[in-house]
PDB file of N, CA and C in Angstrom:
ATOM      1  N   MET A   1      -3.878  -4.115   8.057  1.00  0.00           N
ATOM      2  CA  MET A   1      -2.435  -4.035   7.850  1.00  0.00           C
ATOM      3  C   MET A   1      -1.914  -5.367   7.307  1.00  0.00           C
ATOM      4  N   ALA A   2      -0.912  -5.310   6.487  1.00  0.00           N
ATOM      5  CA  ALA A   2      -0.343  -6.511   5.887  1.00  0.00           C
ATOM      6  C   ALA A   2       0.314  -7.376   6.962  1.00  0.00           C
ATOM      7  N   THR A   3       0.428  -8.662   6.661  1.00  0.00           N
ATOM      8  CA  THR A   3       1.062  -9.565   7.618  1.00  0.00           C
ATOM      9  C   THR A   3       2.560  -9.287   7.676  1.00  0.00           C
ATOM     10  N   GLU A   4       3.152  -9.619   8.807  1.00  0.00           N
ATOM     11  CA  GLU A   4       4.585  -9.422   9.003  1.00  0.00           C
ATOM     12  C   GLU A   4       5.384 -10.366   8.102  1.00  0.00           C
ATOM     13  N   LEU A   5       6.505  -9.878   7.635  1.00  0.00           N
ATOM     14  CA  LEU A   5       7.409 -10.709   6.852  1.00  0.00           C
ATOM     15  C   LEU A   5       8.007 -11.770   7.762  1.00  0.00           C
ATOM     16  N   HIS A   6       8.050 -12.998   7.311  1.00  0.00           N
ATOM     17  CA  HIS A   6       8.640 -14.108   8.062  1.00  0.00           C
ATOM     18  C   HIS A   6       9.704 -14.719   7.155  1.00  0.00           C
ATOM     19  N   ILE A   7      10.954 -14.387   7.413  1.00  0.00           N
ATOM     20  CA  ILE A   7      12.054 -14.816   6.542  1.00  0.00           C
ATOM     21  C   ILE A   7      12.130 -16.340   6.442  1.00  0.00           C
ATOM     22  N   GLY A   8      11.916 -17.030   7.538  1.00  0.00           N
ATOM     23  CA  GLY A   8      11.974 -18.495   7.514  1.00  0.00           C
ATOM     24  C   GLY A   8      10.966 -19.098   6.556  1.00  0.00           C
ATOM     25  N   ARG A   9       9.740 -18.583   6.601  1.00  0.00           N
ATOM     26  CA  ARG A   9       8.707 -19.084   5.678  1.00  0.00           C
ATOM     27  C   ARG A   9       9.037 -18.707   4.238  1.00  0.00           C
ATOM     28  N   LEU A  10       9.567 -17.491   4.070  1.00  0.00           N
ATOM     29  CA  LEU A  10       9.964 -17.060   2.726  1.00  0.00           C
ATOM     30  C   LEU A  10      11.073 -17.964   2.187  1.00  0.00           C
ATOM     31  N   LEU A  11      12.041 -18.285   3.026  1.00  0.00           N
ATOM     32  CA  LEU A  11      13.125 -19.190   2.645  1.00  0.00           C
ATOM     33  C   LEU A  11      12.562 -20.552   2.239  1.00  0.00           C
ATOM     34  N   GLN A  12      11.667 -21.081   3.039  1.00  0.00           N
ATOM     35  CA  GLN A  12      11.069 -22.383   2.748  1.00  0.00           C
ATOM     36  C   GLN A  12      10.302 -22.346   1.425  1.00  0.00           C
ATOM     37  N   GLN A  13       9.543 -21.288   1.193  1.00  0.00           N
ATOM     38  CA  GLN A  13       8.786 -21.157  -0.052  1.00  0.00           C
ATOM     39  C   GLN A  13       9.717 -21.030  -1.259  1.00  0.00           C
ATOM     40  N   LYS A  14      10.765 -20.233  -1.104  1.00  0.00           N
ATOM     41  CA  LYS A  14      11.733 -20.046  -2.196  1.00  0.00           C
ATOM     42  C   LYS A  14      12.412 -21.370  -2.541  1.00  0.00           C
ATOM     43  N   LEU A  15      12.753 -22.135  -1.524  1.00  0.00           N
ATOM     44  CA  LEU A  15      13.366 -23.443  -1.740  1.00  0.00           C
ATOM     45  C   LEU A  15      12.415 -24.344  -2.533  1.00  0.00           C
ATOM     46  N   ARG A  16      11.137 -24.332  -2.149  1.00  0.00           N
ATOM     47  CA  ARG A  16      10.124 -25.115  -2.872  1.00  0.00           C
ATOM     48  C   ARG A  16       9.981 -24.635  -4.313  1.00  0.00           C
ATOM     49  N   ASP A  17       9.869 -23.305  -4.477  1.00  0.00           N
ATOM     50  CA  ASP A  17       9.695 -22.733  -5.817  1.00  0.00           C
ATOM     51  C   ASP A  17      10.853 -23.104  -6.740  1.00  0.00           C
ATOM     52  N   ASP A  18      12.046 -23.151  -6.173  1.00  0.00           N
ATOM     53  CA  ASP A  18      13.237 -23.490  -6.965  1.00  0.00           C
ATOM     54  C   ASP A  18      13.443 -24.997  -7.105  1.00  0.00           C
ATOM     55  N   GLU A  19      12.523 -25.760  -6.512  1.00  0.00           N
ATOM     56  CA  GLU A  19      12.593 -27.219  -6.534  1.00  0.00           C
ATOM     57  C   GLU A  19      13.929 -27.728  -6.005  1.00  0.00           C
ATOM     58  N   ARG A  20      14.343 -27.128  -4.893  1.00  0.00           N
ATOM     59  CA  ARG A  20      15.575 -27.528  -4.205  1.00  0.00           C
ATOM     60  C   ARG A  20      15.203 -28.218  -2.901  1.00  0.00           C
ATOM     61  N   SER A  21      16.082 -29.074  -2.429  1.00  0.00           N
ATOM     62  CA  SER A  21      15.809 -29.804  -1.196  1.00  0.00           C
ATOM     63  C   SER A  21      16.508 -29.153  -0.006  1.00  0.00           C
ATOM     64  N   VAL A  22      16.052 -29.524   1.160  1.00  0.00           N
ATOM     65  CA  VAL A  22      16.699 -29.072   2.395  1.00  0.00           C
ATOM     66  C   VAL A  22      18.132 -29.601   2.426  1.00  0.00           C
ATOM     67  N   THR A  23      18.320 -30.815   1.963  1.00  0.00           N
ATOM     68  CA  THR A  23      19.666 -31.408   1.910  1.00  0.00           C
ATOM     69  C   THR A  23      20.582 -30.575   1.025  1.00  0.00           C
ATOM     70  N   TRP A  24      20.092 -30.154  -0.121  1.00  0.00           N
ATOM     71  CA  TRP A  24      20.884 -29.325  -1.040  1.00  0.00           C
ATOM     72  C   TRP A  24      21.338 -28.049  -0.335  1.00  0.00           C
ATOM     73  N   LEU A  25      20.399 -27.356   0.322  1.00  0.00           N
ATOM     74  CA  LEU A  25      20.735 -26.098   0.986  1.00  0.00           C
ATOM     75  C   LEU A  25      21.704 -26.330   2.145  1.00  0.00           C
ATOM     76  N   ALA A  26      21.487 -27.383   2.908  1.00  0.00           N
ATOM     77  CA  ALA A  26      22.387 -27.695   4.023  1.00  0.00           C
ATOM     78  C   ALA A  26      23.807 -27.938   3.518  1.00  0.00           C
ATOM     79  N   GLN A  27      23.929 -28.635   2.406  1.00  0.00           N
ATOM     80  CA  GLN A  27      25.263 -28.885   1.830  1.00  0.00           C
ATOM     81  C   GLN A  27      25.906 -27.584   1.366  1.00  0.00           C
ATOM     82  N   LYS A  28      25.126 -26.725   0.727  1.00  0.00           N
ATOM     83  CA  LYS A  28      25.653 -25.447   0.237  1.00  0.00           C
ATOM     84  C   LYS A  28      26.118 -24.554   1.384  1.00  0.00           C
ATOM     85  N   LEU A  29      25.404 -24.606   2.511  1.00  0.00           N
ATOM     86  CA  LEU A  29      25.738 -23.763   3.661  1.00  0.00           C
ATOM     87  C   LEU A  29      26.673 -24.460   4.641  1.00  0.00           C
ATOM     88  N   ASN A  30      26.988 -25.712   4.343  1.00  0.00           N
ATOM     89  CA  ASN A  30      27.862 -26.502   5.202  1.00  0.00           C
ATOM     90  C   ASN A  30      27.299 -26.589   6.628  1.00  0.00           C
ATOM     91  N   CYS A  31      26.026 -26.955   6.712  1.00  0.00           N
ATOM     92  CA  CYS A  31      25.383 -27.116   8.017  1.00  0.00           C
ATOM     93  C   CYS A  31      24.456 -28.325   7.959  1.00  0.00           C
ATOM     94  N   SER A  32      23.814 -28.627   9.058  1.00  0.00           N
ATOM     95  CA  SER A  32      22.927 -29.797   9.106  1.00  0.00           C
ATOM     96  C   SER A  32      21.532 -29.445   8.572  1.00  0.00           C
ATOM     97  N   ARG A  33      20.816 -30.466   8.182  1.00  0.00           N
ATOM     98  CA  ARG A  33      19.427 -30.283   7.756  1.00  0.00           C
ATOM     99  C   ARG A  33      18.601 -29.740   8.915  1.00  0.00           C
ATOM    100  N   THR A  34      18.927 -30.172  10.120  1.00  0.00           N
ATOM    101  CA  THR A  34      18.214 -29.681  11.307  1.00  0.00           C
ATOM    102  C   THR A  34      18.311 -28.164  11.399  1.00  0.00           C
ATOM    103  N   ASN A  35      19.484 -27.611  11.124  1.00  0.00           N
ATOM    104  CA  ASN A  35      19.650 -26.154  11.165  1.00  0.00           C
ATOM    105  C   ASN A  35      18.781 -25.459  10.126  1.00  0.00           C
ATOM    106  N   ILE A  36      18.624 -26.076   8.978  1.00  0.00           N
ATOM    107  CA  ILE A  36      17.758 -25.487   7.945  1.00  0.00           C
ATOM    108  C   ILE A  36      16.311 -25.488   8.433  1.00  0.00           C
ATOM    109  N   TYR A  37      15.865 -26.597   8.994  1.00  0.00           N
ATOM    110  CA  TYR A  37      14.494 -26.659   9.514  1.00  0.00           C
ATOM    111  C   TYR A  37      14.285 -25.646  10.632  1.00  0.00           C
ATOM    112  N   LEU A  38      15.300 -25.413  11.445  1.00  0.00           N
ATOM    113  CA  LEU A  38      15.206 -24.401  12.499  1.00  0.00           C
ATOM    114  C   LEU A  38      15.091 -22.998  11.897  1.00  0.00           C
ATOM    115  N   MET A  39      15.799 -22.760  10.791  1.00  0.00           N
ATOM    116  CA  MET A  39      15.706 -21.458  10.114  1.00  0.00           C
ATOM    117  C   MET A  39      14.292 -21.204   9.603  1.00  0.00           C
ATOM    118  N   PHE A  40      13.632 -22.250   9.132  1.00  0.00           N
ATOM    119  CA  PHE A  40      12.260 -22.106   8.633  1.00  0.00           C
ATOM    120  C   PHE A  40      11.330 -21.531   9.707  1.00  0.00           C
ATOM    121  N   LYS A  41      11.641 -21.780  10.965  1.00  0.00           N
ATOM    122  CA  LYS A  41      10.793 -21.339  12.080  1.00  0.00           C
ATOM    123  C   LYS A  41      11.080 -19.903  12.517  1.00  0.00           C
ATOM    124  N   LYS A  42      12.191 -19.333  12.055  1.00  0.00           N
ATOM    125  CA  LYS A  42      12.593 -17.998  12.502  1.00  0.00           C
ATOM    126  C   LYS A  42      11.960 -16.902  11.655  1.00  0.00           C
ATOM    127  N   GLN A  43      11.413 -15.911  12.332  1.00  0.00           N
ATOM    128  CA  GLN A  43      10.857 -14.773  11.594  1.00  0.00           C
ATOM    129  C   GLN A  43      11.988 -13.934  11.002  1.00  0.00           C
ATOM    130  N   TYR A  44      13.060 -13.802  11.766  1.00  0.00           N
ATOM    131  CA  TYR A  44      14.217 -13.030  11.308  1.00  0.00           C
ATOM    132  C   TYR A  44      15.482 -13.869  11.408  1.00  0.00           C
ATOM    133  N   ILE A  45      16.419 -13.615  10.508  1.00  0.00           N
ATOM    134  CA  ILE A  45      17.693 -14.330  10.465  1.00  0.00           C
ATOM    135  C   ILE A  45      18.786 -13.277  10.442  1.00  0.00           C
ATOM    136  N   ASP A  46      19.907 -13.542  11.131  1.00  0.00           N
ATOM    137  CA  ASP A  46      20.964 -12.534  11.194  1.00  0.00           C
ATOM    138  C   ASP A  46      21.502 -12.199   9.803  1.00  0.00           C
ATOM    139  N   CYS A  47      22.077 -11.030   9.684  1.00  0.00           N
ATOM    140  CA  CYS A  47      22.498 -10.483   8.378  1.00  0.00           C
ATOM    141  C   CYS A  47      23.510 -11.361   7.658  1.00  0.00           C
ATOM    142  N   GLU A  48      24.462 -11.903   8.389  1.00  0.00           N
ATOM    143  CA  GLU A  48      25.490 -12.742   7.758  1.00  0.00           C
ATOM    144  C   GLU A  48      24.856 -13.980   7.116  1.00  0.00           C
ATOM    145  N   MET A  49      23.962 -14.621   7.842  1.00  0.00           N
ATOM    146  CA  MET A  49      23.293 -15.805   7.289  1.00  0.00           C
ATOM    147  C   MET A  49      22.374 -15.412   6.137  1.00  0.00           C
ATOM    148  N   LEU A  50      21.710 -14.283   6.260  1.00  0.00           N
ATOM    149  CA  LEU A  50      20.837 -13.818   5.188  1.00  0.00           C
ATOM    150  C   LEU A  50      21.637 -13.548   3.914  1.00  0.00           C
ATOM    151  N   MET A  51      22.842 -13.020   4.079  1.00  0.00           N
ATOM    152  CA  MET A  51      23.725 -12.791   2.929  1.00  0.00           C
ATOM    153  C   MET A  51      24.122 -14.122   2.298  1.00  0.00           C
ATOM    154  N   ARG A  52      24.506 -15.078   3.126  1.00  0.00           N
ATOM    155  CA  ARG A  52      24.881 -16.399   2.605  1.00  0.00           C
ATOM    156  C   ARG A  52      23.705 -17.043   1.865  1.00  0.00           C
ATOM    157  N   LEU A  53      22.522 -16.960   2.455  1.00  0.00           N
ATOM    158  CA  LEU A  53      21.333 -17.520   1.807  1.00  0.00           C
ATOM    159  C   LEU A  53      21.051 -16.832   0.479  1.00  0.00           C
ATOM    160  N   SER A  54      21.177 -15.521   0.463  1.00  0.00           N
ATOM    161  CA  SER A  54      20.924 -14.755  -0.769  1.00  0.00           C
ATOM    162  C   SER A  54      21.876 -15.174  -1.877  1.00  0.00           C
ATOM    163  N   ILE A  55      23.139 -15.373  -1.525  1.00  0.00           N
ATOM    164  CA  ILE A  55      24.145 -15.761  -2.524  1.00  0.00           C
ATOM    165  C   ILE A  55      23.890 -17.177  -3.020  1.00  0.00           C
ATOM    166  N   VAL A  56      23.697 -18.114  -2.106  1.00  0.00           N
ATOM    167  CA  VAL A  56      23.495 -19.515  -2.477  1.00  0.00           C
ATOM    168  C   VAL A  56      22.223 -19.686  -3.297  1.00  0.00           C
ATOM    169  N   MET A  57      21.166 -18.993  -2.891  1.00  0.00           N
ATOM    170  CA  MET A  57      19.883 -19.182  -3.558  1.00  0.00           C
ATOM    171  C   MET A  57      19.648 -18.204  -4.704  1.00  0.00           C
ATOM    172  N   LYS A  58      20.603 -17.292  -4.894  1.00  0.00           N
ATOM    173  CA  LYS A  58      20.494 -16.292  -5.966  1.00  0.00           C
ATOM    174  C   LYS A  58      19.168 -15.532  -5.868  1.00  0.00           C
ATOM    175  N   PHE A  59      18.875 -15.079  -4.643  1.00  0.00           N
ATOM    176  CA  PHE A  59      17.637 -14.360  -4.350  1.00  0.00           C
ATOM    177  C   PHE A  59      17.932 -13.318  -3.282  1.00  0.00           C
ATOM    178  N   ASP A  60      17.496 -12.087  -3.517  1.00  0.00           N
ATOM    179  CA  ASP A  60      17.806 -10.993  -2.600  1.00  0.00           C
ATOM    180  C   ASP A  60      16.780 -10.912  -1.468  1.00  0.00           C
ATOM    181  N   PHE A  61      17.067 -11.616  -0.374  1.00  0.00           N
ATOM    182  CA  PHE A  61      16.183 -11.573   0.786  1.00  0.00           C
ATOM    183  C   PHE A  61      16.171 -10.173   1.407  1.00  0.00           C
ATOM    184  N   PHE A  62      17.254  -9.430   1.235  1.00  0.00           N
ATOM    185  CA  PHE A  62      17.328  -8.075   1.781  1.00  0.00           C
ATOM    186  C   PHE A  62      16.320  -7.149   1.116  1.00  0.00           C
ATOM    187  N   GLU A  63      16.039  -7.391  -0.152  1.00  0.00           N
ATOM    188  CA  GLU A  63      15.039  -6.578  -0.851  1.00  0.00           C
ATOM    189  C   GLU A  63      13.660  -6.760  -0.207  1.00  0.00           C
ATOM    190  N   CYS A  64      13.372  -7.966   0.216  1.00  0.00           N
ATOM    191  CA  CYS A  64      12.092  -8.232   0.891  1.00  0.00           C
ATOM    192  C   CYS A  64      12.021  -7.454   2.203  1.00  0.00           C
ATOM    193  N   LEU A  65      13.115  -7.443   2.947  1.00  0.00           N
ATOM    194  CA  LEU A  65      13.166  -6.675   4.192  1.00  0.00           C
ATOM    195  C   LEU A  65      13.030  -5.184   3.911  1.00  0.00           C
ATOM    196  N   SER A  66      13.683  -4.725   2.867  1.00  0.00           N
ATOM    197  CA  SER A  66      13.623  -3.312   2.499  1.00  0.00           C
ATOM    198  C   SER A  66      12.199  -2.906   2.130  1.00  0.00           C
ATOM    199  N   ARG A  67      11.515  -3.771   1.399  1.00  0.00           N
ATOM    200  CA  ARG A  67      10.129  -3.510   1.026  1.00  0.00           C
ATOM    201  C   ARG A  67       9.254  -3.395   2.277  1.00  0.00           C
ATOM    202  N   GLU A  68       9.458  -4.297   3.231  1.00  0.00           N
ATOM    203  CA  GLU A  68       8.690  -4.259   4.476  1.00  0.00           C
ATOM    204  C   GLU A  68       8.990  -2.965   5.240  1.00  0.00           C
ATOM    205  N   TYR A  69      10.255  -2.585   5.265  1.00  0.00           N
ATOM    206  CA  TYR A  69      10.651  -1.341   5.934  1.00  0.00           C
ATOM    207  C   TYR A  69       9.925  -0.141   5.324  1.00  0.00           C
ATOM    208  N   LYS A  70       9.905  -0.064   4.005  1.00  0.00           N
ATOM    209  CA  LYS A  70       9.265   1.068   3.327  1.00  0.00           C
ATOM    210  C   LYS A  70       7.770   1.116   3.616  1.00  0.00           C
ATOM    211  N   ILE A  71       7.131  -0.042   3.656  1.00  0.00           N
ATOM    212  CA  ILE A  71       5.697  -0.097   3.973  1.00  0.00           C
ATOM    213  C   ILE A  71       5.457   0.388   5.391  1.00  0.00           C
ATOM    214  N   LYS A  72       6.273  -0.087   6.323  1.00  0.00           N
ATOM    215  CA  LYS A  72       6.115   0.323   7.727  1.00  0.00           C
ATOM    216  C   LYS A  72       6.417   1.807   7.907  1.00  0.00           C
ATOM    217  N   LEU A  73       7.409   2.311   7.176  1.00  0.00           N
ATOM    218  CA  LEU A  73       7.759   3.723   7.267  1.00  0.00           C
ATOM    219  C   LEU A  73       6.602   4.593   6.786  1.00  0.00           C
ATOM    220  N   LYS A  74       5.987   4.216   5.661  1.00  0.00           N
ATOM    221  CA  LYS A  74       4.830   4.958   5.149  1.00  0.00           C
ATOM    222  C   LYS A  74       3.687   4.927   6.146  1.00  0.00           C
ATOM    223  N   SER A  75       3.459   3.765   6.721  1.00  0.00           N
ATOM    224  CA  SER A  75       2.389   3.616   7.699  1.00  0.00           C
ATOM    225  C   SER A  75       2.651   4.486   8.926  1.00  0.00           C
ATOM    226  N   THR A  76       3.880   4.495   9.404  1.00  0.00           N
ATOM    227  CA  THR A  76       4.253   5.308  10.560  1.00  0.00           C
ATOM    228  C   THR A  76       4.114   6.787  10.251  1.00  0.00           C
ATOM    229  N   ASN A  77       4.549   7.198   9.064  1.00  0.00           N
ATOM    230  CA  ASN A  77       4.434   8.612   8.675  1.00  0.00           C
ATOM    231  C   ASN A  77       2.980   9.021   8.572  1.00  0.00           C
ATOM    232  N   ALA A  78       2.137   8.155   8.035  1.00  0.00           N
ATOM    233  CA  ALA A  78       0.711   8.462   7.914  1.00  0.00           C
ATOM    234  C   ALA A  78       0.077   8.600   9.295  1.00  0.00           C
ATOM    235  N   GLU A  79       0.455   7.717  10.209  1.00  0.00           N
ATOM    236  CA  GLU A  79      -0.077   7.789  11.576  1.00  0.00           C
ATOM    237  C   GLU A  79       0.372   9.074  12.263  1.00  0.00           C
ATOM    238  N   ASN A  80       1.619   9.462  12.045  1.00  0.00           N
ATOM    239  CA  ASN A  80       2.141  10.690  12.667  1.00  0.00           C
ATOM    240  C   ASN A  80       1.436  11.929  12.140  1.00  0.00           C
ATOM    241  N   LYS A  81       1.071  11.934  10.869  1.00  0.00           N
ATOM    242  CA  LYS A  81       0.377  13.083  10.288  1.00  0.00           C
ATOM    243  C   LYS A  81      -1.018  13.232  10.859  1.00  0.00           C
ATOM    244  N   THR A  82      -1.669  12.105  11.149  1.00  0.00           N
ATOM    245  CA  THR A  82      -3.033  12.180  11.662  1.00  0.00           C
ATOM    246  C   THR A  82      -3.073  12.580  13.137  1.00  0.00           C
ATOM    247  N   THR A  83      -1.958  12.419  13.851  1.00  0.00           N
ATOM    248  CA  THR A  83      -1.946  12.769  15.269  1.00  0.00           C
ATOM    249  C   THR A  83      -1.472  14.185  15.524  1.00  0.00           C
ATOM    250  N   ILE A  84      -1.039  14.877  14.503  1.00  0.00           N
ATOM    251  CA  ILE A  84      -0.545  16.265  14.676  1.00  0.00           C
ATOM    252  C   ILE A  84      -1.687  17.234  14.777  1.00  0.00           C
TER     253      ILE A  84
END
């Protein structure tokens, strides 16, 4: 099975890929750098913050969650068919 989506790691990777700094993101979100580093450690981030991150970084983090949902749904449906 594929590894679980970790939004914090995805955020950190996206920041690196875009060659942006933690300071830049903290300024855009009006929060401390410490809060950004704490976000990197979270597997999931609340919807409001995810929306803010998506807008600031011009990247749809929700699409990543949706993709994970669809994969898990297919897996669950396949498991249910084999147990019937």
